[in-house]
Every structure is written in C-alpha cells, then in structure tokens.
Amino acid sequence: MGRWEPNSRGRLEQAALELYGERGFEQTTVAEIARRAGLTERTFFRYFADKREVLFAGAASLEALFVSTVSGAPESAAPLDAVAQALEVVAGAFQERHAYARERQKAIIANAELRERELIKLASLSAALADALRLRGVAEPAASLTAEAGVAVFKVAFERWIEEENERDLWHLIQESLDELRAVMAGN
C-alpha cells in the first residue's frame, strides 16, 4: 500500500459501487473492494461489517435525522407536518449525493438480498418515526399511519429523483408526493 490518503470510508464506498456496477454485488469480494480503494481488508472491516453494509451504513444516521427533526418540530405542528419538516431536512442532506444515490440504487435493485435489506431499513425507519410521533403525543393508529405515509412519500419521491437526470431537486419531488397524498386523503 502507498502512503496514507484521507477519506478511507468514502473511497471504500466508491470502490464498492464501481465494482458492484461492473461485476455485480455477489461476484464482488471485500478484498477486491479494499484493493480498488487502495486499502487493506482490515481497513475495510474497521468501517463496515460486511460488503452489504457499504450500501446501508448511513441508515442509522438517516433514521436519527428523521427522528430528531420530528422530535424538534413545533408542538403545534400536525403529525404529517412534522414528518414533512423531517422530509425537507433529509432531502437537503441527500441533494449533493444524487450520483451516488443513483448508483447505490442500481446495485440494490439488481440483487434480491439487497432489496430485502432496503425494505428492512425502511420498516425500521417507519417504526422509529412512529415512536417519535407517539412521544409527541400522537395516539395510535395515527402515529403508525403517519409514519408509514411519510416513509412512502420519501420512497416514491426518492425513486423519481434517482430516475431523473437532476432536473428537479429531491425536496421538490417530496413536496409533489406530499401534495398527492393530501389530495388522496381529501378525496380529490
């Protein structure tokens, strides 16, 4: 290995995405990812438990961002409005990672195990949002329904965003999805 270079985690993520795109997830090894990044397997395992986690390492941070924003919303905010505030903050966090998000999603879509892991991540996010809403005093089933709706809005908008060639930002697409949800709920 050469001399130390910064951003080992980012280099491992980038190397993994490149290899997953070139060879597929199943055919890519941790050793190949580390080699492509110019690092050792030992360094890889300092950051990630396995090659799957390269794609999901940010899930806990995403969940924490959602929950902290919902928790910090004004007490007067309706449940869906508190979730909308969280969606806006999350959209800002994703905006500079459009190319990465697109490549990550391609890798996930191409592998059943990764699609399953993505669904587990979204279910965990929904449960955490419901907990945050219950702590705000939202009763059941409203807390769970609102959390599920918020995750659905995020998922639909995110999928549209990664399909587009950066025409519109993620927050714009989230707003459109929220408007559609509100129209459906109003019976329009």
Protein backbone atom coordinates (compact mmCIF):
# COMPACT_ATOMS: atom_id res chain seq x y z
CA MET A 1 0.00 0.00 0.00
CA GLY A 2 1.10 3.54 -0.68
CA ARG A 3 1.20 6.40 1.73
CA TRP A 4 -1.87 7.26 3.80
CA GLU A 5 -4.64 9.10 1.98
CA PRO A 6 -7.69 10.68 3.61
CA ASN A 7 -11.33 9.57 3.35
CA SER A 8 -10.88 5.82 3.59
CA ARG A 9 -14.59 5.29 4.17
CA GLY A 10 -15.59 7.31 1.12
CA ARG A 11 -13.01 5.56 -1.04
CA LEU A 12 -14.31 2.17 0.08
CA GLU A 13 -17.89 3.21 -0.70
CA GLN A 14 -16.89 4.45 -4.14
CA ALA A 15 -14.82 1.35 -4.91
CA ALA A 16 -17.68 -0.91 -3.84
CA LEU A 17 -20.20 0.93 -6.02
CA GLU A 18 -17.88 0.76 -9.02
CA LEU A 19 -17.30 -2.96 -8.56
CA TYR A 20 -20.97 -3.72 -7.91
CA GLY A 21 -21.76 -1.91 -11.15
CA GLU A 22 -19.04 -3.68 -13.12
CA ARG A 23 -19.26 -7.20 -11.70
CA GLY A 24 -22.41 -7.34 -9.61
CA PHE A 25 -22.78 -7.50 -5.85
CA GLU A 26 -22.50 -11.25 -5.50
CA GLN A 27 -19.34 -11.52 -7.60
CA THR A 28 -17.51 -8.74 -5.74
CA THR A 29 -15.33 -9.59 -2.74
CA VAL A 30 -14.24 -7.46 0.18
CA ALA A 31 -10.62 -8.00 -0.91
CA GLU A 32 -11.42 -6.51 -4.33
CA ILE A 33 -13.17 -3.52 -2.80
CA ALA A 34 -10.23 -2.83 -0.48
CA ARG A 35 -7.73 -3.26 -3.32
CA ARG A 36 -9.69 -0.89 -5.60
CA ALA A 37 -9.75 1.70 -2.80
CA GLY A 38 -6.01 1.28 -2.21
CA LEU A 39 -6.61 -0.07 1.30
CA THR A 40 -6.41 -3.34 3.20
CA GLU A 41 -9.23 -5.72 4.09
CA ARG A 42 -8.54 -4.90 7.72
CA THR A 43 -9.27 -1.24 6.99
CA PHE A 44 -12.48 -2.26 5.23
CA PHE A 45 -13.66 -4.08 8.35
CA ARG A 46 -12.92 -1.03 10.52
CA TYR A 47 -15.72 0.74 8.68
CA PHE A 48 -18.11 -1.99 7.56
CA ALA A 49 -19.23 -5.33 8.99
CA ASP A 50 -19.60 -6.84 5.52
CA LYS A 51 -19.87 -5.84 1.88
CA ARG A 52 -23.63 -5.27 2.22
CA GLU A 53 -23.14 -2.63 4.86
CA VAL A 54 -21.23 -0.42 2.43
CA LEU A 55 -24.65 0.35 0.94
CA PHE A 56 -26.50 0.64 4.26
CA ALA A 57 -24.01 2.21 6.65
CA GLY A 58 -25.87 5.52 6.58
CA ALA A 59 -29.21 4.03 7.65
CA ALA A 60 -28.75 4.84 11.35
CA SER A 61 -27.79 8.43 10.57
CA LEU A 62 -30.77 8.83 8.25
CA GLU A 63 -33.10 7.45 10.91
CA ALA A 64 -31.59 9.75 13.56
CA LEU A 65 -32.04 12.77 11.28
CA PHE A 66 -35.69 11.92 10.67
CA VAL A 67 -36.41 11.30 14.35
CA SER A 68 -34.59 14.37 15.66
CA THR A 69 -36.38 16.63 13.18
CA VAL A 70 -39.81 15.19 14.01
CA SER A 71 -39.00 15.47 17.72
CA GLY A 72 -37.89 19.08 17.30
CA ALA A 73 -40.89 20.21 15.26
CA PRO A 74 -43.12 22.82 16.92
CA GLU A 75 -45.65 21.29 19.31
CA SER A 76 -48.43 22.88 17.27
CA ALA A 77 -47.37 21.04 14.10
CA ALA A 78 -49.79 18.40 12.87
CA PRO A 79 -48.23 14.92 12.69
CA LEU A 80 -47.92 14.95 8.89
CA ASP A 81 -46.46 18.46 9.01
CA ALA A 82 -43.80 17.33 11.50
CA VAL A 83 -42.91 14.45 9.17
CA ALA A 84 -42.87 16.89 6.21
CA GLN A 85 -40.32 19.02 8.08
CA ALA A 86 -38.16 15.93 8.53
CA LEU A 87 -38.52 15.09 4.84
CA GLU A 88 -37.31 18.57 3.93
CA VAL A 89 -34.22 18.26 6.14
CA VAL A 90 -33.46 14.79 4.79
CA ALA A 91 -33.88 15.99 1.20
CA GLY A 92 -31.23 18.64 1.85
CA ALA A 93 -28.86 16.00 3.17
CA PHE A 94 -29.27 13.91 0.01
CA GLN A 95 -29.13 16.67 -2.57
CA GLU A 96 -25.36 16.60 -3.12
CA ARG A 97 -25.33 12.79 -3.38
CA HIS A 98 -27.53 12.34 -6.45
CA ALA A 99 -24.97 10.36 -8.49
CA TYR A 100 -24.05 8.18 -5.52
CA ALA A 101 -27.72 7.53 -4.70
CA ARG A 102 -28.41 6.53 -8.30
CA GLU A 103 -25.52 4.03 -8.40
CA ARG A 104 -26.40 2.68 -4.96
CA GLN A 105 -29.99 2.09 -6.02
CA LYS A 106 -28.87 0.26 -9.18
CA ALA A 107 -26.83 -2.12 -7.05
CA ILE A 108 -29.76 -2.69 -4.70
CA ILE A 109 -32.30 -3.28 -7.45
CA ALA A 110 -30.03 -5.85 -9.09
CA ASN A 111 -29.89 -8.11 -6.00
CA ALA A 112 -32.77 -9.71 -4.06
CA GLU A 113 -30.80 -9.81 -0.79
CA LEU A 114 -30.10 -6.08 -1.03
CA ARG A 115 -33.72 -5.27 -1.92
CA GLU A 116 -34.77 -7.17 1.20
CA ARG A 117 -32.25 -5.23 3.30
CA GLU A 118 -33.60 -1.95 1.86
CA LEU A 119 -37.14 -2.93 2.88
CA ILE A 120 -35.92 -3.75 6.39
CA LYS A 121 -34.25 -0.33 6.56
CA LEU A 122 -37.49 1.39 5.53
CA ALA A 123 -39.53 -0.63 8.06
CA SER A 124 -37.09 0.35 10.80
CA LEU A 125 -37.36 3.99 9.74
CA SER A 126 -41.15 3.81 9.88
CA ALA A 127 -41.08 2.27 13.37
CA ALA A 128 -38.68 4.96 14.61
CA LEU A 129 -40.86 7.73 13.15
CA ALA A 130 -43.95 6.23 14.77
CA ASP A 131 -42.13 6.15 18.11
CA ALA A 132 -41.12 9.80 17.69
CA LEU A 133 -44.71 10.74 16.89
CA ARG A 134 -46.03 8.82 19.90
CA LEU A 135 -43.55 10.75 22.08
CA ARG A 136 -45.13 13.92 20.67
CA GLY A 137 -48.49 12.67 21.95
CA VAL A 138 -49.87 11.27 18.71
CA ALA A 139 -52.11 8.31 19.50
CA GLU A 140 -52.33 5.04 17.63
CA PRO A 141 -53.12 4.26 14.91
CA ALA A 142 -52.45 7.84 13.76
CA ALA A 143 -48.75 7.67 14.71
CA SER A 144 -48.13 4.48 12.72
CA LEU A 145 -50.24 5.61 9.77
CA THR A 146 -48.45 8.96 9.59
CA ALA A 147 -45.03 7.32 9.85
CA GLU A 148 -45.86 4.81 7.12
CA ALA A 149 -47.22 7.59 4.91
CA GLY A 150 -44.07 9.66 5.46
CA VAL A 151 -41.83 6.75 4.51
CA ALA A 152 -43.99 6.05 1.44
CA VAL A 153 -43.72 9.69 0.36
CA PHE A 154 -39.94 9.55 0.81
CA LYS A 155 -39.66 6.26 -1.11
CA VAL A 156 -41.80 7.41 -4.05
CA ALA A 157 -40.04 10.78 -4.32
CA PHE A 158 -36.60 9.22 -3.93
CA GLU A 159 -37.28 6.72 -6.72
CA ARG A 160 -38.44 9.53 -9.02
CA TRP A 161 -35.39 11.62 -8.09
CA ILE A 162 -32.83 8.95 -8.92
CA GLU A 163 -34.54 8.24 -12.24
CA GLU A 164 -34.33 11.87 -13.32
CA GLU A 165 -31.24 13.48 -14.74
CA ASN A 166 -31.10 16.04 -11.94
CA GLU A 167 -33.95 18.07 -13.42
CA ARG A 168 -35.62 18.71 -10.07
CA ASP A 169 -34.31 18.52 -6.55
CA LEU A 170 -35.46 15.87 -4.12
CA TRP A 171 -37.39 18.31 -1.94
CA HIS A 172 -39.47 19.43 -4.93
CA LEU A 173 -40.39 15.81 -5.65
CA ILE A 174 -41.19 15.19 -1.98
CA GLN A 175 -43.49 18.22 -1.98
CA GLU A 176 -45.28 16.87 -5.06
CA SER A 177 -45.69 13.48 -3.39
CA LEU A 178 -47.00 15.10 -0.20
CA ASP A 179 -49.48 17.13 -2.24
CA GLU A 180 -50.65 13.94 -3.98
CA LEU A 181 -51.06 12.19 -0.62
CA ARG A 182 -53.04 15.09 0.78
CA ALA A 183 -55.26 15.14 -2.33
CA VAL A 184 -55.91 11.41 -1.98
CA MET A 185 -56.77 11.85 1.71
CA ALA A 186 -59.12 14.73 0.86
CA GLY A 187 -60.86 12.54 -1.71
CA ASN A 188 -59.77 14.54 -4.76
